[in-house]
Amino acid sequence: MIGRIDRVTMLTTSVLLLLGLLALYSASAPFSLRHFGSDLHMLFRQLIAVAVGLVGLLICARTDYRTLVRMNGLLLLGSVGLSLVTLLPLPICVGGCWLSFGFFDLQPTEFVKLALIFYLASSIARRGDRMNTFTEGVLPYIVLLGVLGAITLSQPDLGMLVIFAGITVAMLFLGGAKKRHLAFVGLGAVPLVYIAIRIAPYRFARLLSFLDPQAYSTSSGYQVLQSMMAMGAGGLWGRGLGASRAKLFYLPQAHNDFILSVVGEETGLLGVACVLALLGLLVWRAFAIAEGAGDEEGRLVAYGIGFSIGMQVLVNAGVTLGILPVTGLTLPFFSGGGTSILLTLAMVGVLLNVSSQGGRR
C-alpha cells in the first residue's frame, strides 16, 4: 500500500503532462494534417500512450520497488531481448529501433533504461564495500555497457548509449566506486566513441555540422540551424501559442526531437525557462526522494531515475540550442513517442513508491 505521497512530484508531473500535450498538439498539427488528414492524429496517439503510462504509473506506485529490484535480471534480459528483435528482418521491425504494432510503435531500448537502473541498484547494493575495487566495482559494469553498446550502435542509437553510460557512471560513483577507476575508464572510452562516430558516415556528418553548421546548412546542419532560428525568433515572449513558423515543415522532427524549438518560438525564452525549471524540479525531487529512501536500493533507484531524466533533458536542450551534436533523444513529457512517455510515467510511479516507503527501515 501507498504511504506518504510526494505531492510535489505528483503536481509537477501533472503540469508537465498538460504542457507537453499542448506543445505536442501545436508542434504536430501541420504534420498530422498533411500525412493523416487530421490535425489531431498525433495528439490522439500521444493521449493513448499517456493513458497507458498513467496505468503504469499507478501500478509502479503500488508495487514495492524492492520487488522490481529483485526482478532486475528478468527485466534486463527481457528488454534486451526485445531490443535484439528489432534487428531481425521481420515485418514489425522498423528502422532498426522500433517494433511497429499498427497504431503504436515500441522502442525497446527505453525499457532497457529502467531495467538497467534496477539491475545497477541491486548489484551495487549487494556488493557493498567491494565496490571500491576495480575488478568488482567497475569491470563487470563496463562489460555490460559493452554488450548494450553493441546493440544500440547496431540499431543505430548512439544517443541512448550515452544515457546508459551516464546512468551507469553516476550510480557507480554513488555506490562507492573509486573516482580514479571511473576516470580511467572514461579516458579509455574516448577513442572508442570516436571510432563509433567515424565508422558511421551519418554520425560523422553530424559531428562536422555541429562544429560548423553554416558549412553544412543544406545538409546535416540544416536541422540545427532551423532549430536555432526558431529559438531566436521567439525572443523573450514568443510569437504566441500556435504561431510557430518552423513547424510548417521548415524544421524536421518538430514534434519529436526538436519540440523545444517550437516551444521557444511560440512562448519565448520565458516559456523555455519555465519548461526546463519544471523538469529540473522533477529531477530535484527524485534526488530528494533518494536521500529519504529507506534502504540503499531505494536510494540508488531514485538517483538513477533522476539522472536518467536529467541527462536526457540536458542532452535534448543542448542539441536544440546547438551546443551539442544531434543525438535523436527525446524531451521527456513533450516529444512525440509513446514508449518515451510511457516509461517516463512508470519512472515517476517508482519514485512515488520509494518516497512512500522512505524511512520505514
Protein backbone atom coordinates (compact mmCIF):
# COMPACT_ATOMS: atom_id res chain seq x y z
CA MET A 1 0.00 0.00 0.00
CA ILE A 2 0.99 3.60 -0.57
CA GLY A 3 2.06 5.63 2.44
CA ARG A 4 3.15 9.22 2.07
CA ILE A 5 2.65 10.51 -1.48
CA ASP A 6 5.17 13.05 -2.69
CA ARG A 7 2.72 15.77 -3.68
CA VAL A 8 5.34 17.96 -5.34
CA THR A 9 6.27 15.12 -7.68
CA MET A 10 2.62 14.43 -8.46
CA LEU A 11 1.81 18.08 -9.11
CA THR A 12 4.93 18.63 -11.22
CA THR A 13 4.19 15.53 -13.29
CA SER A 14 0.58 16.65 -13.86
CA VAL A 15 1.65 20.11 -15.03
CA LEU A 16 4.33 18.65 -17.31
CA LEU A 17 1.81 16.26 -18.84
CA LEU A 18 -0.64 19.06 -19.62
CA LEU A 19 2.02 21.37 -21.04
CA GLY A 20 3.54 18.51 -23.01
CA LEU A 21 0.22 17.62 -24.65
CA LEU A 22 -0.42 21.25 -25.50
CA ALA A 23 3.04 21.66 -27.01
CA LEU A 24 2.77 18.40 -28.94
CA TYR A 25 -0.55 19.37 -30.49
CA SER A 26 0.82 22.72 -31.59
CA ALA A 27 4.04 21.25 -32.99
CA SER A 28 2.44 18.24 -34.71
CA ALA A 29 -0.77 19.74 -36.14
CA PRO A 30 0.64 20.58 -39.62
CA PHE A 31 2.39 17.20 -39.87
CA SER A 32 -0.75 15.34 -38.79
CA LEU A 33 -2.94 17.27 -41.20
CA ARG A 34 -0.66 16.64 -44.18
CA HIS A 35 0.05 12.94 -43.55
CA PHE A 36 -3.11 11.73 -41.79
CA GLY A 37 -5.82 14.18 -42.77
CA SER A 38 -6.48 15.41 -39.23
CA ASP A 39 -4.55 17.85 -37.09
CA LEU A 40 -5.43 15.74 -34.02
CA HIS A 41 -3.84 12.48 -35.18
CA MET A 42 -0.51 12.76 -33.32
CA LEU A 43 -2.22 14.20 -30.25
CA PHE A 44 -4.64 11.26 -30.18
CA ARG A 45 -1.75 8.79 -30.36
CA GLN A 46 0.03 10.59 -27.53
CA LEU A 47 -3.13 10.58 -25.42
CA ILE A 48 -3.36 6.80 -25.76
CA ALA A 49 0.27 6.49 -24.68
CA VAL A 50 -0.36 8.82 -21.72
CA ALA A 51 -3.39 6.76 -20.66
CA VAL A 52 -1.33 3.56 -20.73
CA GLY A 53 1.52 5.37 -18.98
CA LEU A 54 -0.77 6.55 -16.18
CA VAL A 55 -1.86 2.96 -15.61
CA GLY A 56 1.82 2.03 -15.47
CA LEU A 57 2.43 4.87 -13.00
CA LEU A 58 -0.30 3.59 -10.69
CA ILE A 59 0.97 0.01 -10.90
CA CYS A 60 4.56 1.05 -10.17
CA ALA A 61 3.44 3.36 -7.36
CA ARG A 62 1.61 0.47 -5.68
CA THR A 63 4.31 -2.14 -6.29
CA ASP A 64 7.10 -2.36 -3.74
CA TYR A 65 10.19 -1.17 -5.58
CA ARG A 66 12.16 -3.94 -3.87
CA THR A 67 10.06 -6.45 -5.83
CA LEU A 68 11.07 -4.77 -9.08
CA VAL A 69 14.69 -4.66 -7.98
CA ARG A 70 14.61 -8.39 -7.23
CA MET A 71 13.28 -8.96 -10.76
CA ASN A 72 16.16 -6.99 -12.28
CA GLY A 73 17.67 -9.92 -14.16
CA LEU A 74 14.39 -10.91 -15.79
CA LEU A 75 13.56 -7.29 -16.67
CA LEU A 76 17.00 -6.65 -18.15
CA LEU A 77 17.09 -9.86 -20.18
CA GLY A 78 13.54 -9.28 -21.42
CA SER A 79 14.16 -5.71 -22.52
CA VAL A 80 17.49 -6.59 -24.15
CA GLY A 81 15.79 -9.48 -25.93
CA LEU A 82 13.14 -7.14 -27.32
CA SER A 83 15.91 -4.79 -28.48
CA LEU A 84 17.56 -7.66 -30.35
CA VAL A 85 14.27 -8.45 -32.08
CA THR A 86 14.37 -5.02 -33.75
CA LEU A 87 17.48 -6.13 -35.65
CA LEU A 88 15.70 -9.08 -37.27
CA PRO A 89 14.20 -8.88 -40.80
CA LEU A 90 10.62 -9.01 -39.57
CA PRO A 91 7.60 -7.01 -40.80
CA ILE A 92 7.11 -5.43 -37.37
CA CYS A 93 10.73 -4.17 -37.19
CA VAL A 94 11.01 -0.56 -38.36
CA GLY A 95 14.17 1.50 -38.72
CA GLY A 96 16.26 -0.88 -36.62
CA CYS A 97 14.95 0.70 -33.39
CA TRP A 98 11.19 0.17 -33.23
CA LEU A 99 8.65 -2.58 -33.17
CA SER A 100 5.53 -1.45 -35.00
CA PHE A 101 2.14 -2.76 -33.93
CA GLY A 102 -0.04 -0.73 -36.24
CA PHE A 103 -1.16 2.30 -34.28
CA PHE A 104 1.59 2.01 -31.67
CA ASP A 105 5.37 1.85 -32.10
CA LEU A 106 7.53 0.41 -29.34
CA GLN A 107 11.18 1.33 -28.71
CA PRO A 108 12.59 -1.47 -26.53
CA THR A 109 15.75 0.43 -25.52
CA GLU A 110 13.53 2.68 -23.39
CA PHE A 111 12.66 -0.38 -21.30
CA VAL A 112 16.36 -1.25 -21.09
CA LYS A 113 16.96 2.13 -19.45
CA LEU A 114 14.68 1.39 -16.49
CA ALA A 115 15.76 -2.25 -16.23
CA LEU A 116 19.39 -1.11 -16.14
CA ILE A 117 18.62 1.14 -13.17
CA PHE A 118 17.07 -1.78 -11.26
CA TYR A 119 19.99 -4.04 -12.11
CA LEU A 120 22.62 -1.50 -11.04
CA ALA A 121 20.78 -0.73 -7.80
CA SER A 122 20.57 -4.40 -6.89
CA SER A 123 24.12 -5.27 -7.87
CA ILE A 124 25.78 -2.23 -6.27
CA ALA A 125 23.86 -2.60 -3.00
CA ARG A 126 24.75 -6.28 -2.86
CA ARG A 127 28.49 -5.71 -3.40
CA GLY A 128 28.79 -3.08 -0.68
CA ASP A 129 32.40 -2.26 0.22
CA ARG A 130 33.72 -4.36 -2.67
CA MET A 131 32.68 -1.53 -4.99
CA ASN A 132 35.96 0.25 -4.25
CA THR A 133 37.90 -2.41 -6.18
CA PHE A 134 38.27 -2.21 -9.96
CA THR A 135 37.53 -5.87 -10.63
CA GLU A 136 34.22 -5.83 -8.77
CA GLY A 137 33.30 -2.14 -8.67
CA VAL A 138 33.80 -1.19 -12.30
CA LEU A 139 34.86 -4.00 -14.64
CA PRO A 140 31.60 -6.07 -14.66
CA TYR A 141 29.57 -2.99 -15.49
CA ILE A 142 31.90 -1.99 -18.30
CA VAL A 143 31.36 -5.43 -19.82
CA LEU A 144 27.59 -4.92 -19.54
CA LEU A 145 27.88 -1.50 -21.18
CA GLY A 146 29.86 -3.10 -23.98
CA VAL A 147 27.01 -5.54 -24.67
CA LEU A 148 24.41 -2.76 -24.56
CA GLY A 149 26.65 -0.61 -26.75
CA ALA A 150 26.90 -3.31 -29.41
CA ILE A 151 23.09 -3.50 -29.53
CA THR A 152 22.39 0.24 -29.56
CA LEU A 153 25.07 1.01 -32.14
CA SER A 154 23.63 -1.70 -34.38
CA GLN A 155 20.17 -0.13 -34.28
CA PRO A 156 21.79 2.60 -34.56
CA ASP A 157 21.19 4.73 -31.45
CA LEU A 158 24.34 6.34 -30.05
CA GLY A 159 22.26 8.81 -28.02
CA MET A 160 20.69 6.05 -25.93
CA LEU A 161 24.13 4.54 -25.32
CA VAL A 162 25.24 7.92 -23.94
CA ILE A 163 22.31 7.80 -21.48
CA PHE A 164 23.14 4.21 -20.49
CA ALA A 165 26.76 5.19 -19.86
CA GLY A 166 25.78 8.29 -17.90
CA ILE A 167 23.38 6.37 -15.65
CA THR A 168 25.98 3.66 -15.05
CA VAL A 169 28.80 6.06 -14.16
CA ALA A 170 26.58 8.14 -11.87
CA MET A 171 25.25 5.11 -9.99
CA LEU A 172 28.70 3.53 -9.69
CA PHE A 173 30.03 6.77 -8.24
CA LEU A 174 27.17 6.96 -5.74
CA GLY A 175 27.62 3.28 -4.93
CA GLY A 176 31.21 3.68 -3.84
CA ALA A 177 33.32 3.09 -6.97
CA LYS A 178 36.61 4.96 -6.85
CA LYS A 179 36.84 8.14 -8.89
CA ARG A 180 40.21 7.22 -10.39
CA HIS A 181 38.78 3.93 -11.68
CA LEU A 182 35.88 5.76 -13.33
CA ALA A 183 38.23 8.40 -14.76
CA PHE A 184 40.48 5.69 -16.19
CA VAL A 185 37.53 4.03 -17.91
CA GLY A 186 36.27 7.40 -19.18
CA LEU A 187 39.61 8.19 -20.80
CA GLY A 188 39.73 4.74 -22.35
CA ALA A 189 36.25 5.23 -23.82
CA VAL A 190 37.18 8.40 -25.74
CA PRO A 191 38.88 6.65 -28.68
CA LEU A 192 36.09 4.07 -28.81
CA VAL A 193 33.48 6.83 -29.08
CA TYR A 194 35.48 8.47 -31.85
CA ILE A 195 35.68 5.17 -33.75
CA ALA A 196 31.92 4.66 -33.34
CA ILE A 197 31.34 8.13 -34.82
CA ARG A 198 33.92 7.81 -37.57
CA ILE A 199 32.78 4.47 -38.98
CA ALA A 200 29.18 5.70 -39.38
CA PRO A 201 29.00 8.39 -42.11
CA TYR A 202 25.84 10.00 -40.75
CA ARG A 203 27.32 10.31 -37.24
CA PHE A 204 30.49 11.86 -38.61
CA ALA A 205 28.40 14.27 -40.69
CA ARG A 206 26.51 15.29 -37.54
CA LEU A 207 29.80 15.96 -35.76
CA LEU A 208 31.12 18.08 -38.63
CA SER A 209 27.88 20.05 -38.89
CA PHE A 210 27.96 20.64 -35.13
CA LEU A 211 31.46 22.12 -35.41
CA ASP A 212 30.48 24.33 -38.38
CA PRO A 213 26.72 24.26 -39.08
CA GLN A 214 26.89 27.04 -41.66
CA ALA A 215 29.17 24.97 -43.86
CA TYR A 216 26.52 22.22 -43.94
CA SER A 217 23.45 24.44 -44.00
CA THR A 218 21.79 22.48 -46.81
CA SER A 219 22.57 19.00 -45.47
CA SER A 220 23.41 17.73 -41.97
CA GLY A 221 23.49 21.20 -40.43
CA TYR A 222 20.08 22.28 -41.74
CA GLN A 223 18.07 20.92 -38.82
CA VAL A 224 20.21 22.58 -36.15
CA LEU A 225 20.22 25.92 -37.97
CA GLN A 226 16.44 25.86 -38.28
CA SER A 227 16.18 25.00 -34.60
CA MET A 228 18.35 27.93 -33.56
CA MET A 229 16.46 30.27 -35.90
CA ALA A 230 13.17 29.21 -34.31
CA MET A 231 14.52 29.76 -30.81
CA GLY A 232 15.88 33.16 -31.80
CA ALA A 233 12.63 34.18 -33.49
CA GLY A 234 10.74 33.59 -30.24
CA GLY A 235 12.65 36.31 -28.40
CA LEU A 236 11.65 36.88 -24.80
CA TRP A 237 7.88 36.41 -25.04
CA GLY A 238 7.44 34.31 -28.20
CA ARG A 239 5.19 34.65 -31.25
CA GLY A 240 2.20 33.23 -29.39
CA LEU A 241 0.70 29.76 -28.95
CA GLY A 242 0.21 28.05 -32.30
CA ALA A 243 2.10 30.75 -34.21
CA SER A 244 5.33 28.85 -34.88
CA ARG A 245 6.58 29.02 -38.45
CA ALA A 246 9.33 26.44 -38.04
CA LYS A 247 6.76 23.65 -37.61
CA LEU A 248 5.41 24.40 -41.09
CA PHE A 249 7.90 21.86 -42.46
CA TYR A 250 10.94 24.11 -42.14
CA LEU A 251 12.14 22.19 -39.07
CA PRO A 252 12.25 18.39 -39.46
CA GLN A 253 11.12 16.40 -36.41
CA ALA A 254 9.43 19.49 -34.97
CA HIS A 255 7.13 17.37 -32.78
CA ASN A 256 9.82 14.88 -31.74
CA ASP A 257 13.46 15.65 -31.04
CA PHE A 258 13.15 19.41 -31.66
CA ILE A 259 9.86 20.19 -29.96
CA LEU A 260 11.67 22.54 -27.56
CA SER A 261 12.44 24.77 -30.57
CA VAL A 262 8.71 25.14 -31.25
CA VAL A 263 8.11 25.87 -27.56
CA GLY A 264 10.82 28.54 -27.72
CA GLU A 265 9.41 30.14 -30.85
CA GLU A 266 5.86 30.24 -29.50
CA THR A 267 6.48 31.10 -25.84
CA GLY A 268 9.93 32.69 -25.97
CA LEU A 269 12.81 32.46 -23.56
CA LEU A 270 10.45 32.66 -20.59
CA GLY A 271 8.44 29.68 -21.79
CA VAL A 272 11.56 27.55 -22.33
CA ALA A 273 12.85 28.59 -18.90
CA CYS A 274 9.57 27.50 -17.28
CA VAL A 275 9.64 24.12 -19.03
CA LEU A 276 13.24 23.46 -18.03
CA ALA A 277 12.53 24.66 -14.48
CA LEU A 278 9.64 22.20 -14.13
CA LEU A 279 11.76 19.35 -15.47
CA GLY A 280 14.55 20.41 -13.13
CA LEU A 281 12.11 20.40 -10.22
CA LEU A 282 11.15 16.82 -11.00
CA VAL A 283 14.82 15.80 -11.08
CA TRP A 284 15.42 17.59 -7.79
CA ARG A 285 12.50 15.76 -6.20
CA ALA A 286 13.99 12.45 -7.41
CA PHE A 287 17.25 13.31 -5.66
CA ALA A 288 15.37 14.38 -2.51
CA ILE A 289 13.42 11.11 -2.55
CA ALA A 290 16.72 9.25 -2.90
CA GLU A 291 18.10 10.92 0.21
CA GLY A 292 15.00 9.94 2.18
CA ALA A 293 14.86 6.34 0.91
CA GLY A 294 14.57 3.54 3.41
CA ASP A 295 17.49 1.49 2.08
CA GLU A 296 20.43 1.56 -0.30
CA GLU A 297 18.48 0.00 -3.16
CA GLY A 298 15.77 2.66 -2.94
CA ARG A 299 18.38 5.40 -2.80
CA LEU A 300 20.15 4.15 -5.91
CA VAL A 301 16.91 3.56 -7.83
CA ALA A 302 15.68 7.11 -7.16
CA TYR A 303 19.05 8.62 -8.02
CA GLY A 304 19.21 6.54 -11.20
CA ILE A 305 15.78 7.74 -12.31
CA GLY A 306 16.70 11.35 -11.52
CA PHE A 307 19.93 11.11 -13.50
CA SER A 308 18.17 9.40 -16.40
CA ILE A 309 15.54 12.13 -16.77
CA GLY A 310 18.01 14.93 -16.07
CA MET A 311 20.61 13.78 -18.58
CA GLN A 312 18.01 13.32 -21.31
CA VAL A 313 16.68 16.85 -20.72
CA LEU A 314 20.18 18.35 -20.80
CA VAL A 315 21.17 16.50 -23.97
CA ASN A 316 17.93 17.35 -25.79
CA ALA A 317 18.12 21.01 -24.78
CA GLY A 318 21.80 21.12 -25.74
CA VAL A 319 21.02 19.78 -29.21
CA THR A 320 18.14 22.22 -29.64
CA LEU A 321 20.39 25.16 -28.76
CA GLY A 322 23.22 23.93 -30.97
CA ILE A 323 25.70 23.32 -28.15
CA LEU A 324 25.68 19.51 -28.57
CA PRO A 325 25.68 17.30 -31.69
CA VAL A 326 22.34 15.85 -32.82
CA THR A 327 21.63 12.63 -30.90
CA GLY A 328 17.98 11.78 -31.57
CA LEU A 329 16.99 11.82 -27.89
CA THR A 330 13.50 13.00 -27.00
CA LEU A 331 12.47 15.62 -24.45
CA PRO A 332 10.64 13.86 -21.57
CA PHE A 333 6.88 14.63 -21.36
CA PHE A 334 6.96 16.75 -24.53
CA SER A 335 8.31 14.86 -27.55
CA GLY A 336 6.02 12.62 -29.53
CA GLY A 337 6.65 8.93 -28.96
CA GLY A 338 4.55 6.53 -26.97
CA THR A 339 7.34 4.48 -25.41
CA SER A 340 9.12 7.55 -24.06
CA ILE A 341 6.13 8.97 -22.20
CA LEU A 342 5.07 5.51 -21.02
CA LEU A 343 8.47 4.77 -19.44
CA THR A 344 8.80 8.28 -18.02
CA LEU A 345 5.47 7.90 -16.19
CA ALA A 346 6.49 4.44 -14.98
CA MET A 347 9.66 6.01 -13.56
CA VAL A 348 7.56 8.59 -11.73
CA GLY A 349 5.48 5.75 -10.29
CA VAL A 350 8.63 4.05 -8.97
CA LEU A 351 9.74 7.36 -7.42
CA LEU A 352 6.39 7.68 -5.66
CA ASN A 353 6.74 4.19 -4.23
CA VAL A 354 10.29 4.86 -2.98
CA SER A 355 9.03 8.09 -1.43
CA SER A 356 6.05 6.41 0.24
CA GLN A 357 8.32 3.85 1.90
CA GLY A 358 11.08 6.25 2.89
CA GLY A 359 12.27 5.84 6.47
CA ARG A 360 10.42 2.56 7.06
CA ARG A 361 13.72 0.72 7.50
